[in-house]
All heavy atoms as atom14 arrays in JSON, in Angstrom:
{
  "sequence": "GRKQQYVTGMIAFGVALITVMFTYKGFFAEGL",
  "atom14_mask": [
    [1, 1, 1, 1, 0, 0, 0, 0, 0, 0, 0, 0, 0, 0],
    [1, 1, 1, 1, 1, 1, 1, 1, 1, 1, 1, 0, 0, 0],
    [1, 1, 1, 1, 1, 1, 1, 1, 1, 0, 0, 0, 0, 0],
    [1, 1, 1, 1, 1, 1, 1, 1, 1, 0, 0, 0, 0, 0],
    [1, 1, 1, 1, 1, 1, 1, 1, 1, 0, 0, 0, 0, 0],
    [1, 1, 1, 1, 1, 1, 1, 1, 1, 1, 1, 1, 0, 0],
    [1, 1, 1, 1, 1, 1, 1, 0, 0, 0, 0, 0, 0, 0],
    [1, 1, 1, 1, 1, 1, 1, 0, 0, 0, 0, 0, 0, 0],
    [1, 1, 1, 1, 0, 0, 0, 0, 0, 0, 0, 0, 0, 0],
    [1, 1, 1, 1, 1, 1, 1, 1, 0, 0, 0, 0, 0, 0],
    [1, 1, 1, 1, 1, 1, 1, 1, 0, 0, 0, 0, 0, 0],
    [1, 1, 1, 1, 1, 0, 0, 0, 0, 0, 0, 0, 0, 0],
    [1, 1, 1, 1, 1, 1, 1, 1, 1, 1, 1, 0, 0, 0],
    [1, 1, 1, 1, 0, 0, 0, 0, 0, 0, 0, 0, 0, 0],
    [1, 1, 1, 1, 1, 1, 1, 0, 0, 0, 0, 0, 0, 0],
    [1, 1, 1, 1, 1, 0, 0, 0, 0, 0, 0, 0, 0, 0],
    [1, 1, 1, 1, 1, 1, 1, 1, 0, 0, 0, 0, 0, 0],
    [1, 1, 1, 1, 1, 1, 1, 1, 0, 0, 0, 0, 0, 0],
    [1, 1, 1, 1, 1, 1, 1, 0, 0, 0, 0, 0, 0, 0],
    [1, 1, 1, 1, 1, 1, 1, 0, 0, 0, 0, 0, 0, 0],
    [1, 1, 1, 1, 1, 1, 1, 1, 0, 0, 0, 0, 0, 0],
    [1, 1, 1, 1, 1, 1, 1, 1, 1, 1, 1, 0, 0, 0],
    [1, 1, 1, 1, 1, 1, 1, 0, 0, 0, 0, 0, 0, 0],
    [1, 1, 1, 1, 1, 1, 1, 1, 1, 1, 1, 1, 0, 0],
    [1, 1, 1, 1, 1, 1, 1, 1, 1, 0, 0, 0, 0, 0],
    [1, 1, 1, 1, 0, 0, 0, 0, 0, 0, 0, 0, 0, 0],
    [1, 1, 1, 1, 1, 1, 1, 1, 1, 1, 1, 0, 0, 0],
    [1, 1, 1, 1, 1, 1, 1, 1, 1, 1, 1, 0, 0, 0],
    [1, 1, 1, 1, 1, 0, 0, 0, 0, 0, 0, 0, 0, 0],
    [1, 1, 1, 1, 1, 1, 1, 1, 1, 0, 0, 0, 0, 0],
    [1, 1, 1, 1, 0, 0, 0, 0, 0, 0, 0, 0, 0, 0],
    [1, 1, 1, 1, 1, 1, 1, 1, 0, 0, 0, 0, 0, 0]
  ],
  "atom14_positions": [
    [[0.82, -1.21, 0.0], [0.0, 0.0, 0.0], [0.85, 1.25, 0.0], [0.52, 2.25, -0.68], [0.0, 0.0, 0.0], [0.0, 0.0, 0.0], [0.0, 0.0, 0.0], [0.0, 0.0, 0.0], [0.0, 0.0, 0.0], [0.0, 0.0, 0.0], [0.0, 0.0, 0.0], [0.0, 0.0, 0.0], [0.0, 0.0, 0.0], [0.0, 0.0, 0.0]],
    [[1.92, 1.23, 0.76], [2.83, 2.37, 0.81], [3.43, 2.65, -0.57], [3.55, 3.81, -1.0], [3.95, 2.11, 1.83], [4.76, 3.33, 2.18], [5.94, 2.96, 3.08], [5.51, 2.33, 4.33], [6.35, 1.81, 5.21], [7.66, 1.82, 4.96], [5.9, 1.26, 6.32], [0.0, 0.0, 0.0], [0.0, 0.0, 0.0], [0.0, 0.0, 0.0]],
    [[3.78, 1.58, -1.27], [4.35, 1.74, -2.61], [3.32, 2.34, -3.57], [3.66, 3.2, -4.4], [4.84, 0.4, -3.15], [5.55, 0.51, -4.5], [6.14, -0.81, -4.93], [6.9, -0.65, -6.25], [7.5, -1.94, -6.69], [0.0, 0.0, 0.0], [0.0, 0.0, 0.0], [0.0, 0.0, 0.0], [0.0, 0.0, 0.0], [0.0, 0.0, 0.0]],
    [[2.06, 1.91, -3.46], [1.02, 2.47, -4.31], [0.83, 3.96, -4.05], [0.63, 4.75, -4.98], [-0.3, 1.72, -4.08], [-0.31, 0.29, -4.62], [-0.07, 0.22, -6.11], [-0.62, 1.01, -6.88], [0.75, -0.72, -6.53], [0.0, 0.0, 0.0], [0.0, 0.0, 0.0], [0.0, 0.0, 0.0], [0.0, 0.0, 0.0], [0.0, 0.0, 0.0]],
    [[0.92, 4.35, -2.78], [0.83, 5.77, -2.46], [2.01, 6.55, -3.04], [1.86, 7.66, -3.54], [0.8, 5.97, -0.94], [-0.56, 5.81, -0.32], [-0.58, 6.3, 1.11], [-0.34, 5.53, 2.03], [-0.85, 7.58, 1.3], [0.0, 0.0, 0.0], [0.0, 0.0, 0.0], [0.0, 0.0, 0.0], [0.0, 0.0, 0.0], [0.0, 0.0, 0.0]],
    [[3.19, 5.96, -2.94], [4.39, 6.6, -3.47], [4.27, 6.83, -4.97], [4.54, 7.93, -5.48], [5.61, 5.74, -3.15], [6.87, 6.15, -3.87], [7.47, 7.38, -3.62], [7.47, 5.29, -4.81], [8.63, 7.75, -4.29], [8.62, 5.65, -5.47], [9.2, 6.88, -5.21], [10.34, 7.25, -5.88], [0.0, 0.0, 0.0], [0.0, 0.0, 0.0]],
    [[3.84, 5.78, -5.7], [3.68, 5.91, -7.15], [2.61, 6.96, -7.46], [2.78, 7.78, -8.37], [3.3, 4.54, -7.77], [2.98, 4.7, -9.25], [4.43, 3.54, -7.58], [0.0, 0.0, 0.0], [0.0, 0.0, 0.0], [0.0, 0.0, 0.0], [0.0, 0.0, 0.0], [0.0, 0.0, 0.0], [0.0, 0.0, 0.0], [0.0, 0.0, 0.0]],
    [[1.53, 6.95, -6.69], [0.47, 7.95, -6.87], [1.02, 9.35, -6.68], [0.73, 10.26, -7.47], [-0.67, 7.7, -5.86], [-1.23, 6.41, -6.09], [-1.77, 8.76, -6.01], [0.0, 0.0, 0.0], [0.0, 0.0, 0.0], [0.0, 0.0, 0.0], [0.0, 0.0, 0.0], [0.0, 0.0, 0.0], [0.0, 0.0, 0.0], [0.0, 0.0, 0.0]],
    [[1.81, 9.54, -5.62], [2.41, 10.84, -5.36], [3.33, 11.29, -6.47], [3.31, 12.45, -6.89], [0.0, 0.0, 0.0], [0.0, 0.0, 0.0], [0.0, 0.0, 0.0], [0.0, 0.0, 0.0], [0.0, 0.0, 0.0], [0.0, 0.0, 0.0], [0.0, 0.0, 0.0], [0.0, 0.0, 0.0], [0.0, 0.0, 0.0], [0.0, 0.0, 0.0]],
    [[4.14, 10.36, -6.99], [5.08, 10.71, -8.06], [4.34, 11.08, -9.35], [4.75, 12.0, -10.07], [6.04, 9.54, -8.31], [6.96, 9.24, -7.15], [8.0, 10.65, -6.65], [9.53, 10.24, -7.48], [0.0, 0.0, 0.0], [0.0, 0.0, 0.0], [0.0, 0.0, 0.0], [0.0, 0.0, 0.0], [0.0, 0.0, 0.0], [0.0, 0.0, 0.0]],
    [[3.24, 10.38, -9.63], [2.41, 10.75, -10.79], [1.85, 12.15, -10.59], [1.84, 12.98, -11.51], [1.28, 9.73, -10.99], [1.85, 8.37, -11.43], [0.27, 10.24, -12.03], [0.83, 7.25, -11.47], [0.0, 0.0, 0.0], [0.0, 0.0, 0.0], [0.0, 0.0, 0.0], [0.0, 0.0, 0.0], [0.0, 0.0, 0.0], [0.0, 0.0, 0.0]],
    [[1.38, 12.43, -9.37], [0.82, 13.75, -9.07], [1.87, 14.84, -9.19], [1.59, 15.95, -9.68], [0.22, 13.75, -7.67], [0.0, 0.0, 0.0], [0.0, 0.0, 0.0], [0.0, 0.0, 0.0], [0.0, 0.0, 0.0], [0.0, 0.0, 0.0], [0.0, 0.0, 0.0], [0.0, 0.0, 0.0], [0.0, 0.0, 0.0], [0.0, 0.0, 0.0]],
    [[3.09, 14.56, -8.76], [4.17, 15.53, -8.91], [4.47, 15.77, -10.39], [4.77, 16.89, -10.81], [5.44, 15.06, -8.18], [5.33, 15.11, -6.68], [5.72, 14.03, -5.91], [4.84, 16.24, -6.04], [5.62, 14.07, -4.53], [4.74, 16.29, -4.66], [5.13, 15.19, -3.9], [0.0, 0.0, 0.0], [0.0, 0.0, 0.0], [0.0, 0.0, 0.0]],
    [[4.4, 14.69, -11.19], [4.58, 14.86, -12.63], [3.49, 15.72, -13.24], [3.75, 16.58, -14.09], [0.0, 0.0, 0.0], [0.0, 0.0, 0.0], [0.0, 0.0, 0.0], [0.0, 0.0, 0.0], [0.0, 0.0, 0.0], [0.0, 0.0, 0.0], [0.0, 0.0, 0.0], [0.0, 0.0, 0.0], [0.0, 0.0, 0.0], [0.0, 0.0, 0.0]],
    [[2.24, 15.5, -12.8], [1.13, 16.34, -13.26], [1.35, 17.79, -12.85], [1.1, 18.73, -13.63], [-0.21, 15.82, -12.69], [-1.35, 16.8, -12.98], [-0.54, 14.45, -13.27], [0.0, 0.0, 0.0], [0.0, 0.0, 0.0], [0.0, 0.0, 0.0], [0.0, 0.0, 0.0], [0.0, 0.0, 0.0], [0.0, 0.0, 0.0], [0.0, 0.0, 0.0]],
    [[1.83, 17.99, -11.62], [2.11, 19.34, -11.13], [3.16, 20.02, -12.01], [3.03, 21.21, -12.36], [2.59, 19.29, -9.69], [0.0, 0.0, 0.0], [0.0, 0.0, 0.0], [0.0, 0.0, 0.0], [0.0, 0.0, 0.0], [0.0, 0.0, 0.0], [0.0, 0.0, 0.0], [0.0, 0.0, 0.0], [0.0, 0.0, 0.0], [0.0, 0.0, 0.0]],
    [[4.2, 19.28, -12.39], [5.26, 19.84, -13.24], [4.69, 20.27, -14.59], [4.98, 21.38, -15.07], [6.37, 18.8, -13.43], [7.48, 19.17, -14.41], [8.2, 20.45, -13.98], [8.48, 18.01, -14.53], [0.0, 0.0, 0.0], [0.0, 0.0, 0.0], [0.0, 0.0, 0.0], [0.0, 0.0, 0.0], [0.0, 0.0, 0.0], [0.0, 0.0, 0.0]],
    [[3.9, 19.41, -15.21], [3.31, 19.74, -16.52], [2.38, 20.95, -16.39], [2.39, 21.85, -17.24], [2.55, 18.52, -17.08], [3.54, 17.39, -17.38], [1.77, 18.9, -18.33], [2.87, 16.06, -17.72], [0.0, 0.0, 0.0], [0.0, 0.0, 0.0], [0.0, 0.0, 0.0], [0.0, 0.0, 0.0], [0.0, 0.0, 0.0], [0.0, 0.0, 0.0]],
    [[1.59, 20.98, -15.32], [0.67, 22.1, -15.11], [1.42, 23.41, -14.96], [1.04, 24.44, -15.56], [-0.2, 21.85, -13.85], [-0.88, 20.6, -13.98], [-1.22, 22.96, -13.67], [0.0, 0.0, 0.0], [0.0, 0.0, 0.0], [0.0, 0.0, 0.0], [0.0, 0.0, 0.0], [0.0, 0.0, 0.0], [0.0, 0.0, 0.0], [0.0, 0.0, 0.0]],
    [[2.49, 23.41, -14.19], [3.29, 24.62, -13.99], [3.94, 25.05, -15.31], [3.96, 26.24, -15.65], [4.37, 24.39, -12.91], [5.35, 25.55, -12.87], [3.72, 24.21, -11.54], [0.0, 0.0, 0.0], [0.0, 0.0, 0.0], [0.0, 0.0, 0.0], [0.0, 0.0, 0.0], [0.0, 0.0, 0.0], [0.0, 0.0, 0.0], [0.0, 0.0, 0.0]],
    [[4.47, 24.09, -16.06], [5.13, 24.41, -17.34], [4.19, 25.14, -18.3], [4.6, 26.06, -19.02], [5.65, 23.13, -17.99], [6.87, 22.53, -17.34], [7.38, 20.97, -18.13], [7.78, 21.54, -19.78], [0.0, 0.0, 0.0], [0.0, 0.0, 0.0], [0.0, 0.0, 0.0], [0.0, 0.0, 0.0], [0.0, 0.0, 0.0], [0.0, 0.0, 0.0]],
    [[2.91, 24.74, -18.31], [1.96, 25.3, -19.27], [1.24, 26.55, -18.75], [0.55, 27.23, -19.53], [0.92, 24.24, -19.66], [1.42, 23.27, -20.69], [1.93, 22.04, -20.31], [1.42, 23.59, -22.04], [2.41, 21.14, -21.24], [1.89, 22.7, -22.99], [2.4, 21.46, -22.6], [0.0, 0.0, 0.0], [0.0, 0.0, 0.0], [0.0, 0.0, 0.0]],
    [[1.38, 26.84, -17.48], [0.59, 27.96, -16.93], [1.42, 29.08, -16.3], [0.88, 30.17, -16.08], [-0.39, 27.44, -15.85], [0.34, 26.79, -14.8], [-1.38, 26.45, -16.45], [0.0, 0.0, 0.0], [0.0, 0.0, 0.0], [0.0, 0.0, 0.0], [0.0, 0.0, 0.0], [0.0, 0.0, 0.0], [0.0, 0.0, 0.0], [0.0, 0.0, 0.0]],
    [[2.71, 28.85, -16.0], [3.45, 29.86, -15.23], [3.57, 31.19, -15.98], [3.54, 32.27, -15.36], [4.83, 29.33, -14.83], [5.9, 29.41, -15.9], [6.66, 30.57, -16.06], [6.16, 28.32, -16.73], [7.65, 30.64, -17.04], [7.15, 28.39, -17.69], [7.89, 29.54, -17.85], [8.86, 29.61, -18.81], [0.0, 0.0, 0.0], [0.0, 0.0, 0.0]],
    [[3.67, 31.14, -17.31], [3.79, 32.4, -18.07], [2.56, 33.26, -17.9], [2.66, 34.48, -17.78], [4.04, 32.09, -19.55], [5.42, 31.51, -19.83], [5.62, 31.29, -21.32], [7.01, 30.71, -21.6], [7.22, 30.46, -23.06], [0.0, 0.0, 0.0], [0.0, 0.0, 0.0], [0.0, 0.0, 0.0], [0.0, 0.0, 0.0], [0.0, 0.0, 0.0]],
    [[1.39, 32.62, -17.9], [0.15, 33.36, -17.71], [0.07, 33.99, -16.33], [-0.34, 35.14, -16.18], [0.0, 0.0, 0.0], [0.0, 0.0, 0.0], [0.0, 0.0, 0.0], [0.0, 0.0, 0.0], [0.0, 0.0, 0.0], [0.0, 0.0, 0.0], [0.0, 0.0, 0.0], [0.0, 0.0, 0.0], [0.0, 0.0, 0.0], [0.0, 0.0, 0.0]],
    [[0.51, 33.24, -15.31], [0.52, 33.77, -13.94], [1.46, 34.97, -13.84], [1.09, 36.03, -13.32], [0.96, 32.69, -12.95], [-0.15, 31.79, -12.5], [-0.47, 30.65, -13.21], [-0.88, 32.07, -11.34], [-1.49, 29.81, -12.8], [-1.9, 31.24, -10.92], [-2.21, 30.1, -11.66], [0.0, 0.0, 0.0], [0.0, 0.0, 0.0], [0.0, 0.0, 0.0]],
    [[2.69, 34.81, -14.34], [3.69, 35.88, -14.23], [3.29, 37.1, -15.06], [3.56, 38.25, -14.67], [5.06, 35.37, -14.67], [5.67, 34.35, -13.72], [6.82, 33.67, -14.07], [5.09, 34.07, -12.49], [7.39, 32.75, -13.21], [5.64, 33.14, -11.62], [6.79, 32.48, -11.99], [0.0, 0.0, 0.0], [0.0, 0.0, 0.0], [0.0, 0.0, 0.0]],
    [[2.65, 36.86, -16.21], [2.23, 37.98, -17.06], [1.21, 38.86, -16.36], [1.14, 40.08, -16.6], [1.66, 37.44, -18.37], [0.0, 0.0, 0.0], [0.0, 0.0, 0.0], [0.0, 0.0, 0.0], [0.0, 0.0, 0.0], [0.0, 0.0, 0.0], [0.0, 0.0, 0.0], [0.0, 0.0, 0.0], [0.0, 0.0, 0.0], [0.0, 0.0, 0.0]],
    [[0.42, 38.26, -15.47], [-0.58, 39.0, -14.71], [-0.03, 39.51, -13.38], [-0.78, 40.06, -12.57], [-1.81, 38.12, -14.46], [-2.55, 37.73, -15.71], [-3.76, 36.85, -15.42], [-4.18, 36.79, -14.24], [-4.28, 36.22, -16.36], [0.0, 0.0, 0.0], [0.0, 0.0, 0.0], [0.0, 0.0, 0.0], [0.0, 0.0, 0.0], [0.0, 0.0, 0.0]],
    [[1.27, 39.33, -13.16], [1.88, 39.79, -11.92], [1.62, 38.89, -10.74], [1.84, 39.28, -9.58], [0.0, 0.0, 0.0], [0.0, 0.0, 0.0], [0.0, 0.0, 0.0], [0.0, 0.0, 0.0], [0.0, 0.0, 0.0], [0.0, 0.0, 0.0], [0.0, 0.0, 0.0], [0.0, 0.0, 0.0], [0.0, 0.0, 0.0], [0.0, 0.0, 0.0]],
    [[1.15, 37.67, -11.0], [0.88, 36.71, -9.93], [2.14, 35.9, -9.63], [2.47, 34.93, -10.34], [-0.27, 35.78, -10.32], [-1.66, 36.44, -10.41], [-2.67, 35.48, -11.0], [-2.1, 36.91, -9.03], [0.0, 0.0, 0.0], [0.0, 0.0, 0.0], [0.0, 0.0, 0.0], [0.0, 0.0, 0.0], [0.0, 0.0, 0.0], [0.0, 0.0, 0.0]]
  ]
}
């Protein structure tokens, strides 16, 4: 179970990375 949580977390971190890559310019352009 711990390993399944770890894999889940790593997938979520990967999703977070992709989300940041595609959205950070919009945030910074608005001064956020």
